[in-house]
Amino acid sequence: MPRRRRPTERDARAELQAWYLTSLRPKLARAATADVVEAAAADELDRQLRVFLDLPETAPERAA
């Protein structure tokens, strides 16, 4: 039986980055748009997760 390769730290980080950008971040944006969470709280969570996941920071997509 072939041995499965253990994911490297880089693979794991890339997987988390992709999950955040394609799944969680859009849901967070929808929640802020629908006033389920405050926009400032969503923006702060986005900022913290980008730092944690080593993603580039982006300008807020919503108009103030």
N, C-alpha and C. Protein backbone atom coordinates (compact mmCIF):
# COMPACT_ATOMS: atom_id res chain seq x y z
N MET A 1 0.85 -1.17 0.00
CA MET A 1 0.00 0.00 0.00
C MET A 1 0.91 1.24 0.00
N PRO A 2 0.68 2.18 -0.92
CA PRO A 2 1.53 3.37 -0.96
C PRO A 2 1.33 4.24 0.28
N ARG A 3 2.42 4.83 0.71
CA ARG A 3 2.35 5.72 1.86
C ARG A 3 1.89 7.09 1.40
N ARG A 4 1.02 7.68 2.15
CA ARG A 4 0.56 9.04 1.85
C ARG A 4 1.58 10.03 2.36
N ARG A 5 1.84 11.03 1.56
CA ARG A 5 2.77 12.08 1.95
C ARG A 5 2.12 12.94 3.01
N ARG A 6 2.88 13.22 4.06
CA ARG A 6 2.38 14.13 5.10
C ARG A 6 2.40 15.54 4.55
N PRO A 7 1.33 16.28 4.77
CA PRO A 7 1.33 17.67 4.28
C PRO A 7 2.42 18.48 4.97
N THR A 8 3.04 19.31 4.20
CA THR A 8 4.05 20.18 4.78
C THR A 8 3.36 21.39 5.37
N GLU A 9 4.14 22.15 6.13
CA GLU A 9 3.59 23.38 6.72
C GLU A 9 3.12 24.32 5.61
N ARG A 10 3.87 24.38 4.52
CA ARG A 10 3.50 25.25 3.40
C ARG A 10 2.18 24.79 2.78
N ASP A 11 2.02 23.47 2.59
CA ASP A 11 0.77 22.94 2.04
C ASP A 11 -0.41 23.28 2.94
N ALA A 12 -0.22 23.11 4.23
CA ALA A 12 -1.29 23.36 5.19
C ALA A 12 -1.67 24.84 5.19
N ARG A 13 -0.67 25.72 5.16
CA ARG A 13 -0.96 27.15 5.15
C ARG A 13 -1.67 27.53 3.86
N ALA A 14 -1.22 27.01 2.73
CA ALA A 14 -1.87 27.31 1.45
C ALA A 14 -3.31 26.83 1.44
N GLU A 15 -3.56 25.68 2.04
CA GLU A 15 -4.92 25.16 2.11
C GLU A 15 -5.81 26.06 2.98
N LEU A 16 -5.28 26.51 4.12
CA LEU A 16 -6.04 27.43 4.97
C LEU A 16 -6.27 28.77 4.28
N GLN A 17 -5.26 29.28 3.59
CA GLN A 17 -5.42 30.54 2.87
C GLN A 17 -6.53 30.43 1.82
N ALA A 18 -6.50 29.36 1.05
CA ALA A 18 -7.51 29.16 0.01
C ALA A 18 -8.90 29.02 0.63
N TRP A 19 -9.02 28.27 1.73
CA TRP A 19 -10.31 28.11 2.39
C TRP A 19 -10.83 29.45 2.89
N TYR A 20 -9.97 30.24 3.48
CA TYR A 20 -10.41 31.53 3.99
C TYR A 20 -10.90 32.43 2.86
N LEU A 21 -10.10 32.53 1.80
CA LEU A 21 -10.44 33.44 0.71
C LEU A 21 -11.66 32.99 -0.10
N THR A 22 -11.84 31.69 -0.26
CA THR A 22 -12.95 31.22 -1.11
C THR A 22 -14.20 30.85 -0.35
N SER A 23 -14.09 30.61 0.95
CA SER A 23 -15.25 30.15 1.71
C SER A 23 -15.64 31.09 2.86
N LEU A 24 -14.74 31.26 3.81
CA LEU A 24 -15.10 32.02 5.00
C LEU A 24 -15.22 33.51 4.75
N ARG A 25 -14.28 34.09 4.01
CA ARG A 25 -14.30 35.54 3.79
C ARG A 25 -15.59 36.00 3.09
N PRO A 26 -16.05 35.30 2.03
CA PRO A 26 -17.32 35.72 1.42
C PRO A 26 -18.50 35.64 2.38
N LYS A 27 -18.51 34.64 3.23
CA LYS A 27 -19.59 34.51 4.22
C LYS A 27 -19.52 35.64 5.23
N LEU A 28 -18.32 35.99 5.63
CA LEU A 28 -18.14 37.11 6.56
C LEU A 28 -18.62 38.41 5.93
N ALA A 29 -18.29 38.61 4.67
CA ALA A 29 -18.73 39.82 3.96
C ALA A 29 -20.26 39.86 3.84
N ARG A 30 -20.88 38.73 3.54
CA ARG A 30 -22.35 38.68 3.46
C ARG A 30 -22.98 38.97 4.82
N ALA A 31 -22.40 38.45 5.87
CA ALA A 31 -22.93 38.68 7.21
C ALA A 31 -22.85 40.17 7.56
N ALA A 32 -21.76 40.82 7.18
CA ALA A 32 -21.63 42.26 7.45
C ALA A 32 -22.61 43.06 6.62
N THR A 33 -22.78 42.68 5.36
CA THR A 33 -23.72 43.37 4.48
C THR A 33 -25.16 43.23 4.98
N ALA A 34 -25.48 42.08 5.54
CA ALA A 34 -26.83 41.82 6.04
C ALA A 34 -27.02 42.30 7.48
N ASP A 35 -26.02 42.99 8.02
CA ASP A 35 -26.06 43.50 9.39
C ASP A 35 -26.22 42.41 10.44
N VAL A 36 -25.72 41.22 10.13
CA VAL A 36 -25.70 40.14 11.12
C VAL A 36 -24.56 40.39 12.10
N VAL A 37 -23.46 40.93 11.58
CA VAL A 37 -22.34 41.37 12.41
C VAL A 37 -22.01 42.80 12.00
N GLU A 38 -21.41 43.55 12.90
CA GLU A 38 -21.03 44.92 12.56
C GLU A 38 -19.90 44.90 11.54
N ALA A 39 -19.96 45.81 10.59
CA ALA A 39 -18.95 45.88 9.53
C ALA A 39 -17.55 46.06 10.13
N ALA A 40 -17.43 46.86 11.17
CA ALA A 40 -16.12 47.08 11.79
C ALA A 40 -15.58 45.79 12.39
N ALA A 41 -16.45 44.98 12.97
CA ALA A 41 -16.02 43.70 13.55
C ALA A 41 -15.58 42.74 12.45
N ALA A 42 -16.31 42.71 11.35
CA ALA A 42 -15.94 41.86 10.22
C ALA A 42 -14.60 42.29 9.63
N ASP A 43 -14.41 43.59 9.50
CA ASP A 43 -13.14 44.11 8.98
C ASP A 43 -11.97 43.76 9.90
N GLU A 44 -12.18 43.86 11.19
CA GLU A 44 -11.12 43.55 12.15
C GLU A 44 -10.79 42.06 12.13
N LEU A 45 -11.80 41.21 12.05
CA LEU A 45 -11.55 39.77 11.97
C LEU A 45 -10.80 39.45 10.68
N ASP A 46 -11.20 40.07 9.58
CA ASP A 46 -10.51 39.88 8.31
C ASP A 46 -9.04 40.29 8.44
N ARG A 47 -8.78 41.43 9.07
CA ARG A 47 -7.41 41.91 9.24
C ARG A 47 -6.59 40.92 10.06
N GLN A 48 -7.16 40.45 11.17
CA GLN A 48 -6.44 39.53 12.03
C GLN A 48 -6.16 38.20 11.34
N LEU A 49 -7.14 37.70 10.60
CA LEU A 49 -6.93 36.43 9.90
C LEU A 49 -5.91 36.56 8.77
N ARG A 50 -5.90 37.71 8.11
CA ARG A 50 -4.89 37.94 7.06
C ARG A 50 -3.49 37.95 7.65
N VAL A 51 -3.33 38.55 8.82
CA VAL A 51 -2.02 38.55 9.49
C VAL A 51 -1.66 37.11 9.87
N PHE A 52 -2.59 36.41 10.49
CA PHE A 52 -2.35 35.04 10.94
C PHE A 52 -2.01 34.10 9.79
N LEU A 53 -2.72 34.26 8.66
CA LEU A 53 -2.53 33.38 7.50
C LEU A 53 -1.49 33.90 6.52
N ASP A 54 -0.85 35.01 6.87
CA ASP A 54 0.19 35.62 6.03
C ASP A 54 -0.35 35.95 4.63
N LEU A 55 -1.51 36.59 4.61
CA LEU A 55 -2.13 37.04 3.36
C LEU A 55 -1.92 38.54 3.22
N PRO A 56 -1.85 39.03 1.98
CA PRO A 56 -1.71 40.48 1.82
C PRO A 56 -2.95 41.21 2.32
N GLU A 57 -2.73 42.39 2.88
CA GLU A 57 -3.85 43.19 3.33
C GLU A 57 -4.48 43.86 2.13
N THR A 58 -5.79 44.03 2.16
CA THR A 58 -6.50 44.68 1.07
C THR A 58 -7.29 45.85 1.62
N ALA A 59 -7.63 46.75 0.75
CA ALA A 59 -8.48 47.88 1.14
C ALA A 59 -9.89 47.35 1.39
N PRO A 60 -10.62 47.98 2.31
CA PRO A 60 -12.01 47.57 2.53
C PRO A 60 -12.81 47.65 1.24
N GLU A 61 -13.62 46.63 1.01
CA GLU A 61 -14.40 46.57 -0.23
C GLU A 61 -15.72 47.32 -0.12
N ARG A 62 -16.13 47.63 1.10
CA ARG A 62 -17.38 48.34 1.29
C ARG A 62 -17.14 49.83 1.38
N ALA A 63 -18.05 50.59 0.86
CA ALA A 63 -17.94 52.05 0.99
C ALA A 63 -18.43 52.44 2.38
N ALA A 64 -17.74 53.37 2.98
CA ALA A 64 -18.12 53.81 4.33
C ALA A 64 -19.29 54.73 4.30
